[in-house]
């Protein structure tokens, strides 16, 4: 007789969990590889096929040659609770890539502890603090 814990989970349960996650990208389970990028989790059925929607890599960059630290904070990072650090290039431009599911995401940068706008982003929305957040759309 097979132990109950080793029996495969029916594929329908994975599909139901994946459909719940697609409506709230900021609530999806994520893992952070050592390079700082955020990846959406994927569920696999007993056939080995993934039921999760695949994310797209979105590059965040900010020219700030005098900065000592830069992070992107957004609705997909639960804002300042889980910032994603950017790496500084020799050209003084800070960069990171984040894998995001399709949708619209509000974000800002934190540079040396101060909140900054993205000067290269033209799409903005008002926030409750009297400033604006940049918006990136993933298709």
Protein backbone atom coordinates (compact mmCIF):
# COMPACT_ATOMS: atom_id res chain seq x y z
CA UNK A 1 0.00 0.00 0.00
CA UNK A 2 1.30 3.43 -0.96
CA UNK A 3 1.89 6.06 1.73
CA UNK A 4 -0.60 8.92 1.40
CA UNK A 5 2.18 11.57 1.37
CA UNK A 6 3.82 10.06 -1.73
CA UNK A 7 0.68 10.05 -3.89
CA UNK A 8 0.63 12.73 -6.60
CA UNK A 9 -1.65 15.71 -6.10
CA UNK A 10 -4.41 15.84 -8.73
CA UNK A 11 -3.66 18.43 -11.48
CA UNK A 12 -6.95 20.26 -10.83
CA UNK A 13 -5.68 21.47 -7.45
CA UNK A 14 -2.64 23.10 -9.05
CA UNK A 15 -4.79 24.76 -11.71
CA UNK A 16 -7.08 26.18 -9.04
CA UNK A 17 -4.12 27.60 -7.07
CA UNK A 18 -2.55 29.09 -10.23
CA UNK A 19 -5.81 30.81 -11.20
CA UNK A 20 -6.07 32.39 -7.74
CA UNK A 21 -2.56 33.84 -8.05
CA UNK A 22 -3.06 35.47 -11.47
CA UNK A 23 -5.43 38.15 -10.13
CA UNK A 24 -2.98 39.48 -7.53
CA UNK A 25 0.62 39.53 -8.81
CA UNK A 26 1.91 41.11 -5.62
CA UNK A 27 0.54 38.18 -3.63
CA UNK A 28 2.09 35.39 -5.72
CA UNK A 29 4.73 33.21 -4.18
CA UNK A 30 8.16 34.31 -5.34
CA UNK A 31 11.71 33.22 -4.88
CA UNK A 32 14.76 35.44 -5.11
CA UNK A 33 17.73 34.01 -6.95
CA UNK A 34 21.16 35.22 -5.90
CA UNK A 35 21.18 37.81 -8.72
CA UNK A 36 18.36 39.78 -7.02
CA UNK A 37 15.73 39.08 -9.70
CA UNK A 38 12.27 38.07 -8.55
CA UNK A 39 10.78 35.01 -10.21
CA UNK A 40 7.15 33.90 -10.03
CA UNK A 41 6.72 30.41 -8.69
CA UNK A 42 5.48 27.65 -10.93
CA UNK A 43 3.49 24.58 -10.00
CA UNK A 44 4.14 21.32 -11.80
CA UNK A 45 1.64 18.54 -12.25
CA UNK A 46 2.51 14.89 -12.11
CA UNK A 47 3.04 15.11 -15.91
CA UNK A 48 5.84 17.66 -15.43
CA UNK A 49 4.01 20.47 -17.26
CA UNK A 50 3.88 23.90 -15.63
CA UNK A 51 0.46 25.49 -15.05
CA UNK A 52 1.84 28.88 -13.95
CA UNK A 53 1.74 31.95 -16.17
CA UNK A 54 5.28 32.83 -17.23
CA UNK A 55 6.68 36.18 -16.22
CA UNK A 56 8.60 38.58 -18.43
CA UNK A 57 11.91 40.11 -17.42
CA UNK A 58 11.51 43.86 -16.94
CA UNK A 59 14.66 45.96 -16.56
CA UNK A 60 14.68 48.78 -14.03
CA UNK A 61 17.51 51.28 -14.43
CA UNK A 62 18.44 54.59 -12.90
CA UNK A 63 21.35 56.90 -13.63
CA UNK A 64 22.75 57.90 -10.25
CA UNK A 65 26.57 57.80 -10.38
CA UNK A 66 27.03 59.38 -6.93
CA UNK A 67 24.60 57.00 -5.17
CA UNK A 68 25.79 54.38 -2.69
CA UNK A 69 22.65 52.19 -2.86
CA UNK A 70 19.61 51.97 -5.12
CA UNK A 71 16.56 49.72 -4.83
CA UNK A 72 13.26 49.48 -6.64
CA UNK A 73 10.17 49.31 -4.45
CA UNK A 74 6.76 48.59 -5.89
CA UNK A 75 3.41 47.00 -5.40
CA UNK A 76 5.07 43.74 -6.53
CA UNK A 77 7.63 44.03 -3.68
CA UNK A 78 5.07 45.02 -1.05
CA UNK A 79 6.78 48.41 -1.30
CA UNK A 80 9.60 49.00 1.20
CA UNK A 81 9.05 45.63 2.91
CA UNK A 82 10.92 43.70 0.17
CA UNK A 83 12.97 46.12 -1.97
CA UNK A 84 14.93 44.74 -4.93
CA UNK A 85 18.50 46.04 -5.00
CA UNK A 86 20.02 47.35 -8.21
CA UNK A 87 23.63 46.80 -9.21
CA UNK A 88 25.81 49.77 -10.16
CA UNK A 89 27.55 49.63 -13.52
CA UNK A 90 30.85 51.32 -14.36
CA UNK A 91 28.82 53.90 -16.31
CA UNK A 92 27.03 55.02 -13.10
CA UNK A 93 23.74 53.43 -14.16
CA UNK A 94 22.08 51.12 -11.65
CA UNK A 95 20.21 48.10 -13.10
CA UNK A 96 18.19 45.04 -12.18
CA UNK A 97 15.73 42.76 -13.96
CA UNK A 98 12.55 41.50 -12.34
CA UNK A 99 10.31 38.78 -13.76
CA UNK A 100 6.72 40.06 -13.71
CA UNK A 101 3.42 38.55 -14.72
CA UNK A 102 1.25 40.51 -17.19
CA UNK A 103 -0.32 43.57 -15.57
CA UNK A 104 0.34 47.16 -14.47
CA UNK A 105 2.73 47.86 -11.61
CA UNK A 106 3.41 51.07 -9.67
CA UNK A 107 6.99 51.62 -8.49
CA UNK A 108 9.57 54.09 -7.19
CA UNK A 109 13.27 53.99 -6.42
CA UNK A 110 14.94 54.36 -3.04
CA UNK A 111 18.34 56.02 -3.46
CA UNK A 112 20.51 56.27 -0.36
CA UNK A 113 17.38 56.09 1.79
CA UNK A 114 15.41 58.72 -0.18
CA UNK A 115 12.38 58.03 -2.39
CA UNK A 116 13.03 58.98 -6.04
CA UNK A 117 10.91 59.18 -9.16
CA UNK A 118 11.94 57.36 -12.33
CA UNK A 119 12.88 60.27 -14.62
CA UNK A 120 12.59 58.03 -17.71
CA UNK A 121 9.00 56.90 -17.08
CA UNK A 122 6.19 59.02 -18.51
CA UNK A 123 3.26 56.98 -17.15
CA UNK A 124 2.50 58.00 -13.55
CA UNK A 125 -0.27 57.67 -11.00
CA UNK A 126 -0.90 59.74 -7.89
CA UNK A 127 -0.13 58.10 -4.55
CA UNK A 128 -1.54 58.91 -1.09
CA UNK A 129 1.65 60.78 -0.10
CA UNK A 130 1.15 63.73 -2.47
CA UNK A 131 3.66 62.48 -5.04
CA UNK A 132 3.39 60.10 -7.98
CA UNK A 133 4.47 56.55 -8.70
CA UNK A 134 5.83 55.45 -12.05
CA UNK A 135 3.88 52.68 -13.78
CA UNK A 136 5.28 49.83 -15.86
CA UNK A 137 2.92 47.73 -17.99
CA UNK A 138 3.75 44.12 -18.80
CA UNK A 139 1.93 42.55 -21.71
